[in-house]
N, C-alpha and C. Protein backbone atom coordinates (compact mmCIF):
# COMPACT_ATOMS: atom_id res chain seq x y z
N UNK A 1 -65.27 19.24 36.06
CA UNK A 1 -64.84 20.72 35.84
C UNK A 1 -65.91 20.80 34.85
N UNK A 2 -66.96 21.99 34.57
CA UNK A 2 -67.82 22.74 33.75
C UNK A 2 -66.87 23.04 32.74
N UNK A 3 -67.48 23.56 31.46
CA UNK A 3 -66.76 24.13 30.17
C UNK A 3 -66.53 25.27 30.61
N UNK A 4 -67.28 26.39 31.36
CA UNK A 4 -66.89 27.43 31.75
C UNK A 4 -65.88 28.05 32.49
N UNK A 5 -65.74 27.25 33.19
CA UNK A 5 -64.54 26.53 34.40
C UNK A 5 -63.48 26.56 33.73
N UNK A 6 -63.33 25.76 32.88
CA UNK A 6 -62.13 25.15 31.99
C UNK A 6 -61.50 26.54 31.23
N UNK A 7 -62.78 27.38 30.36
CA UNK A 7 -62.55 28.18 29.93
C UNK A 7 -61.97 29.32 30.53
N UNK A 8 -62.02 29.63 31.55
CA UNK A 8 -61.72 30.59 32.32
C UNK A 8 -60.68 30.62 32.74
N UNK A 9 -60.33 29.42 32.95
CA UNK A 9 -58.85 28.89 33.62
C UNK A 9 -58.25 29.25 32.15
N UNK A 10 -58.08 28.73 31.01
CA UNK A 10 -57.50 28.48 29.78
C UNK A 10 -57.42 30.35 29.56
N UNK A 11 -58.35 31.13 29.60
CA UNK A 11 -58.09 32.59 29.34
C UNK A 11 -56.99 33.29 30.79
N UNK A 12 -57.29 33.06 31.82
CA UNK A 12 -56.16 33.01 32.62
C UNK A 12 -54.92 32.73 32.22
N UNK A 13 -54.39 31.71 31.49
CA UNK A 13 -53.11 31.23 31.13
C UNK A 13 -52.80 32.31 29.88
N UNK A 14 -54.00 32.71 29.07
CA UNK A 14 -53.59 33.44 28.26
C UNK A 14 -53.21 34.65 28.78
N UNK A 15 -53.80 35.16 29.22
CA UNK A 15 -53.32 36.36 29.85
C UNK A 15 -52.30 36.50 30.39
N UNK A 16 -51.61 35.47 31.19
CA UNK A 16 -49.94 35.64 31.22
C UNK A 16 -49.18 35.61 30.23
N UNK A 17 -49.37 33.99 29.42
CA UNK A 17 -48.23 34.38 28.21
C UNK A 17 -48.65 35.73 27.39
N UNK A 18 -49.72 36.44 27.11
CA UNK A 18 -49.51 37.62 26.71
C UNK A 18 -49.03 38.77 27.07
N UNK A 19 -48.51 38.43 28.70
CA UNK A 19 -48.30 39.86 29.57
C UNK A 19 -46.68 39.45 29.32
N UNK A 20 -46.07 38.18 29.09
CA UNK A 20 -44.81 37.83 28.71
C UNK A 20 -44.23 36.88 29.68
N UNK A 21 -45.40 36.24 30.16
CA UNK A 21 -44.73 34.77 31.44
C UNK A 21 -44.35 33.77 30.52
N UNK A 22 -43.14 33.34 30.98
CA UNK A 22 -42.78 31.93 30.17
C UNK A 22 -42.41 31.30 31.56
N UNK A 23 -42.64 29.95 31.17
CA UNK A 23 -42.26 29.00 32.44
C UNK A 23 -42.23 27.37 31.33
N UNK A 24 -41.06 26.97 31.54
CA UNK A 24 -40.43 25.77 30.94
C UNK A 24 -41.74 24.57 31.41
N UNK A 25 -41.72 24.44 32.85
CA UNK A 25 -42.76 23.47 33.43
C UNK A 25 -44.27 23.49 32.67
N UNK A 26 -44.66 25.11 32.69
CA UNK A 26 -46.22 25.04 31.94
C UNK A 26 -45.98 24.53 30.60
N UNK A 27 -45.35 24.98 30.14
CA UNK A 27 -44.92 24.90 28.48
C UNK A 27 -45.08 23.38 28.21
N UNK A 28 -43.96 22.51 29.34
CA UNK A 28 -44.29 21.31 29.07
C UNK A 28 -45.52 20.55 29.18
N UNK A 29 -45.97 20.72 30.17
CA UNK A 29 -47.32 20.44 30.96
C UNK A 29 -48.13 20.22 29.14
N UNK A 30 -48.73 21.69 29.28
CA UNK A 30 -49.12 21.86 28.48
C UNK A 30 -49.27 21.61 27.18
N UNK A 31 -47.92 21.14 26.75
CA UNK A 31 -47.40 20.24 25.93
C UNK A 31 -47.99 18.78 25.79
N UNK A 32 -47.78 18.32 26.83
CA UNK A 32 -48.19 16.85 27.21
C UNK A 32 -49.59 16.69 27.01
N UNK A 33 -50.48 17.79 27.55
CA UNK A 33 -52.00 17.66 27.50
C UNK A 33 -52.36 17.53 26.44
N UNK A 34 -52.19 18.20 25.28
CA UNK A 34 -52.21 18.69 23.75
C UNK A 34 -51.93 17.13 23.30
N UNK A 35 -50.44 16.45 23.18
CA UNK A 35 -50.08 15.23 22.58
C UNK A 35 -51.16 14.20 23.52
N UNK A 36 -51.12 14.22 24.52
CA UNK A 36 -52.30 12.92 25.10
C UNK A 36 -53.40 13.03 24.44
N UNK A 37 -54.43 14.25 24.26
CA UNK A 37 -55.75 14.09 23.65
C UNK A 37 -55.50 13.71 22.19
N UNK A 38 -53.87 14.37 21.46
CA UNK A 38 -53.95 14.13 20.37
C UNK A 38 -53.79 12.37 19.88
N UNK A 39 -53.59 11.69 21.07
CA UNK A 39 -53.08 10.27 20.84
C UNK A 39 -54.57 9.81 21.11
N UNK A 40 -55.03 10.21 22.07
CA UNK A 40 -56.48 9.52 22.31
C UNK A 40 -57.80 9.92 20.84
N UNK A 41 -57.42 10.83 20.30
CA UNK A 41 -58.30 11.21 19.21
C UNK A 41 -57.74 10.07 18.12
N UNK A 42 -56.24 9.74 17.84
CA UNK A 42 -56.12 9.15 17.00
C UNK A 42 -56.56 7.71 17.04
N UNK A 43 -56.53 7.36 18.08
CA UNK A 43 -57.02 5.75 18.52
C UNK A 43 -58.33 5.93 18.36
N UNK A 44 -59.16 6.94 18.80
CA UNK A 44 -60.33 6.76 18.75
C UNK A 44 -60.70 6.93 16.90
N UNK A 45 -59.85 7.87 16.16
CA UNK A 45 -60.40 7.72 14.70
C UNK A 45 -60.14 6.25 14.39
N UNK A 46 -59.25 5.74 14.36
CA UNK A 46 -58.81 4.33 14.21
C UNK A 46 -59.74 3.69 14.22
N UNK A 47 -60.64 3.75 15.60
CA UNK A 47 -61.67 2.21 15.85
C UNK A 47 -62.98 3.18 14.83
N UNK A 48 -63.37 4.17 14.78
CA UNK A 48 -64.01 4.32 13.86
C UNK A 48 -63.96 4.51 12.56
N UNK A 49 -62.85 4.42 11.95
CA UNK A 49 -62.42 3.70 10.73
C UNK A 49 -62.76 2.49 10.32
N UNK A 50 -62.34 1.78 11.22
CA UNK A 50 -62.80 0.36 11.46
C UNK A 50 -64.42 0.29 10.92
N UNK A 51 -65.24 0.88 11.75
CA UNK A 51 -66.46 0.61 11.82
C UNK A 51 -66.76 1.03 10.69
N UNK A 52 -66.41 2.27 9.98
CA UNK A 52 -67.01 2.68 8.53
C UNK A 52 -66.23 1.51 7.51
N UNK A 53 -65.30 1.12 7.78
CA UNK A 53 -64.90 -0.17 6.72
C UNK A 53 -65.76 -0.96 6.57
N UNK A 54 -66.55 -1.28 7.50
CA UNK A 54 -67.41 -2.99 8.08
C UNK A 54 -68.93 -2.17 6.74
N UNK A 55 -68.74 -0.72 7.25
CA UNK A 55 -70.08 -0.23 6.17
C UNK A 55 -70.05 0.11 4.70
N UNK A 56 -68.62 0.06 4.53
CA UNK A 56 -68.26 0.48 3.01
C UNK A 56 -68.81 -0.92 2.71
N UNK A 57 -67.69 -1.98 3.08
CA UNK A 57 -68.15 -3.38 2.64
C UNK A 57 -69.30 -3.92 2.16
N UNK A 58 -69.87 -3.49 3.64
CA UNK A 58 -71.07 -4.24 3.00
C UNK A 58 -72.07 -3.84 2.42
N UNK A 59 -72.11 -2.57 2.25
CA UNK A 59 -72.92 -1.66 0.92
C UNK A 59 -72.29 -1.04 -0.40
N UNK A 60 -71.00 -1.35 -0.61
CA UNK A 60 -70.02 -1.55 -1.59
C UNK A 60 -70.56 0.35 -1.99
N UNK A 61 -69.95 0.83 -0.98
CA UNK A 61 -69.98 2.41 -1.35
C UNK A 61 -68.99 3.23 -0.06
N UNK A 62 -68.19 4.20 -0.49
CA UNK A 62 -67.29 4.56 0.25
C UNK A 62 -68.08 5.87 1.24
N UNK A 63 -67.44 6.05 2.25
CA UNK A 63 -68.45 6.64 3.59
C UNK A 63 -68.70 8.23 2.74
N UNK A 64 -67.82 8.92 2.25
CA UNK A 64 -68.08 9.97 1.56
C UNK A 64 -68.92 10.05 1.03
N UNK A 65 -69.01 8.74 -0.28
CA UNK A 65 -70.70 8.78 -1.15
C UNK A 65 -71.71 8.65 -0.09
N UNK A 66 -71.87 7.49 0.39
CA UNK A 66 -72.48 7.15 1.46
C UNK A 66 -73.32 8.72 2.29
N UNK A 67 -72.12 9.85 2.60
CA UNK A 67 -72.83 10.66 3.56
C UNK A 67 -73.39 11.98 2.22
N UNK A 68 -72.65 12.02 1.46
CA UNK A 68 -73.44 12.73 0.36
C UNK A 68 -74.98 12.69 -0.44
N UNK A 69 -75.07 11.27 -0.15
CA UNK A 69 -76.05 10.39 -0.75
C UNK A 69 -77.24 10.73 0.18
N UNK A 70 -77.08 9.90 1.58
CA UNK A 70 -77.92 10.40 2.83
C UNK A 70 -78.35 11.57 3.42
N UNK A 71 -77.38 12.98 2.76
CA UNK A 71 -77.51 14.09 3.25
C UNK A 71 -78.54 14.74 2.18
N UNK A 72 -78.26 14.05 1.20
CA UNK A 72 -79.14 14.41 -0.23
C UNK A 72 -80.85 13.71 0.00
N UNK A 73 -81.02 13.25 1.23
CA UNK A 73 -82.36 11.88 0.91
C UNK A 73 -82.12 10.97 0.06
N UNK A 74 -81.03 10.66 -0.75
CA UNK A 74 -81.47 9.71 -1.28
C UNK A 74 -81.17 8.31 -1.07
N UNK A 75 -81.14 8.11 0.49
CA UNK A 75 -80.95 6.70 1.06
C UNK A 75 -81.73 6.76 2.22
N UNK A 76 -82.63 5.33 2.54
CA UNK A 76 -83.31 5.33 3.53
C UNK A 76 -83.03 5.62 4.60
N UNK A 77 -84.03 5.57 5.40
CA UNK A 77 -83.42 6.14 7.23
C UNK A 77 -83.68 4.84 7.77
N UNK A 78 -82.71 3.53 7.24
CA UNK A 78 -83.02 2.80 8.12
C UNK A 78 -81.34 2.47 9.21
N UNK A 79 -82.00 1.66 10.01
CA UNK A 79 -81.13 1.82 11.75
C UNK A 79 -79.62 1.68 11.24
N UNK A 80 -79.52 0.91 10.01
CA UNK A 80 -78.13 0.46 9.63
C UNK A 80 -77.58 1.94 9.10
N UNK A 81 -78.19 2.85 7.81
CA UNK A 81 -78.11 3.51 7.55
C UNK A 81 -78.04 5.04 8.82
N UNK A 82 -78.54 4.83 9.39
CA UNK A 82 -78.26 6.14 10.64
C UNK A 82 -77.32 5.89 11.83
N UNK A 83 -76.63 4.44 11.57
CA UNK A 83 -75.75 4.45 12.78
C UNK A 83 -74.42 4.70 11.68
N UNK A 84 -74.29 4.63 10.73
CA UNK A 84 -73.37 4.82 9.46
C UNK A 84 -73.18 6.07 9.82
N UNK A 85 -74.13 7.23 9.08
CA UNK A 85 -74.47 8.48 9.73
C UNK A 85 -73.26 9.04 10.70
N UNK A 86 -73.89 8.60 12.02
CA UNK A 86 -73.32 8.65 13.05
C UNK A 86 -71.83 8.35 12.99
N UNK A 87 -71.33 7.33 12.68
CA UNK A 87 -70.10 7.17 12.57
C UNK A 87 -69.37 8.08 11.80
N UNK A 88 -70.43 8.72 10.38
CA UNK A 88 -69.77 9.84 9.90
C UNK A 88 -69.49 11.15 10.28
N UNK A 89 -70.50 11.44 11.10
CA UNK A 89 -69.94 12.54 12.32
C UNK A 89 -69.49 12.31 12.87
N UNK A 90 -69.27 11.28 13.95
CA UNK A 90 -68.28 11.25 14.61
C UNK A 90 -66.70 11.43 14.36
N UNK A 91 -66.58 10.81 12.86
CA UNK A 91 -65.67 10.93 12.49
C UNK A 91 -64.98 12.13 12.02
N UNK A 92 -66.00 13.20 11.10
CA UNK A 92 -65.69 14.47 10.91
C UNK A 92 -65.68 15.33 12.35
N UNK A 93 -65.85 15.02 13.39
CA UNK A 93 -65.78 15.92 14.56
C UNK A 93 -64.57 15.67 15.14
N UNK A 94 -64.04 14.18 15.14
CA UNK A 94 -62.07 13.88 15.61
C UNK A 94 -61.53 14.35 15.02
N UNK A 95 -62.07 14.61 13.25
CA UNK A 95 -60.65 15.03 12.49
C UNK A 95 -60.74 16.51 12.80
N UNK A 96 -62.05 17.14 12.98
CA UNK A 96 -61.36 18.86 13.08
C UNK A 96 -60.78 18.71 14.56
N UNK A 97 -61.23 18.27 15.61
CA UNK A 97 -60.49 18.59 16.82
C UNK A 97 -58.98 18.32 16.53
N UNK A 98 -58.53 16.97 15.99
CA UNK A 98 -57.29 17.07 15.73
C UNK A 98 -56.60 18.21 14.69
N UNK A 99 -57.24 18.58 13.87
CA UNK A 99 -56.78 19.51 13.03
C UNK A 99 -56.52 20.66 13.95
N UNK A 100 -57.09 21.25 14.87
CA UNK A 100 -57.54 22.48 15.57
C UNK A 100 -56.10 22.03 16.89
N UNK A 101 -55.91 20.81 17.28
CA UNK A 101 -54.79 20.53 18.03
C UNK A 101 -53.62 20.48 17.58
N UNK A 102 -53.31 20.04 16.40
CA UNK A 102 -52.11 20.13 15.62
C UNK A 102 -52.01 21.07 15.15
N UNK A 103 -52.51 22.28 15.17
CA UNK A 103 -52.34 23.64 14.75
C UNK A 103 -52.62 23.93 13.32
N UNK A 104 -53.65 23.18 12.56
CA UNK A 104 -53.95 23.09 11.27
C UNK A 104 -54.96 24.44 11.35
N UNK A 105 -54.88 24.82 10.18
CA UNK A 105 -56.28 25.93 10.00
C UNK A 105 -57.47 25.16 9.69
N UNK A 106 -58.48 24.89 10.51
CA UNK A 106 -59.41 24.24 9.83
C UNK A 106 -60.95 24.73 8.81
N UNK A 107 -60.45 26.03 9.21
CA UNK A 107 -60.89 26.62 7.64
C UNK A 107 -61.09 26.54 6.31
N UNK A 108 -60.10 26.11 6.34
CA UNK A 108 -59.03 25.65 4.73
C UNK A 108 -60.01 25.22 3.78
């Protein structure tokens, strides 16, 4: 399913709810979909955190410190650091998704 079809379907559901539609089955189904994605993202975050921990131990540097220094150009562009950078980006994307799915304001 393409993103445009998914967005179209979500917009249709939104319009139904805005118009006053209520359905316990659909409410429960949507909640289960969200809960399922939260569980997947939390499991992915645990795996990424383990990877990040290995980099942190190996280089005696937190991932947050590494990220700031890498973005400032203070770290070499080695394969190891590029991979660490990728895991940092993946972690941030998952955290952002979790905030959205959990109804937290991501702009704070």
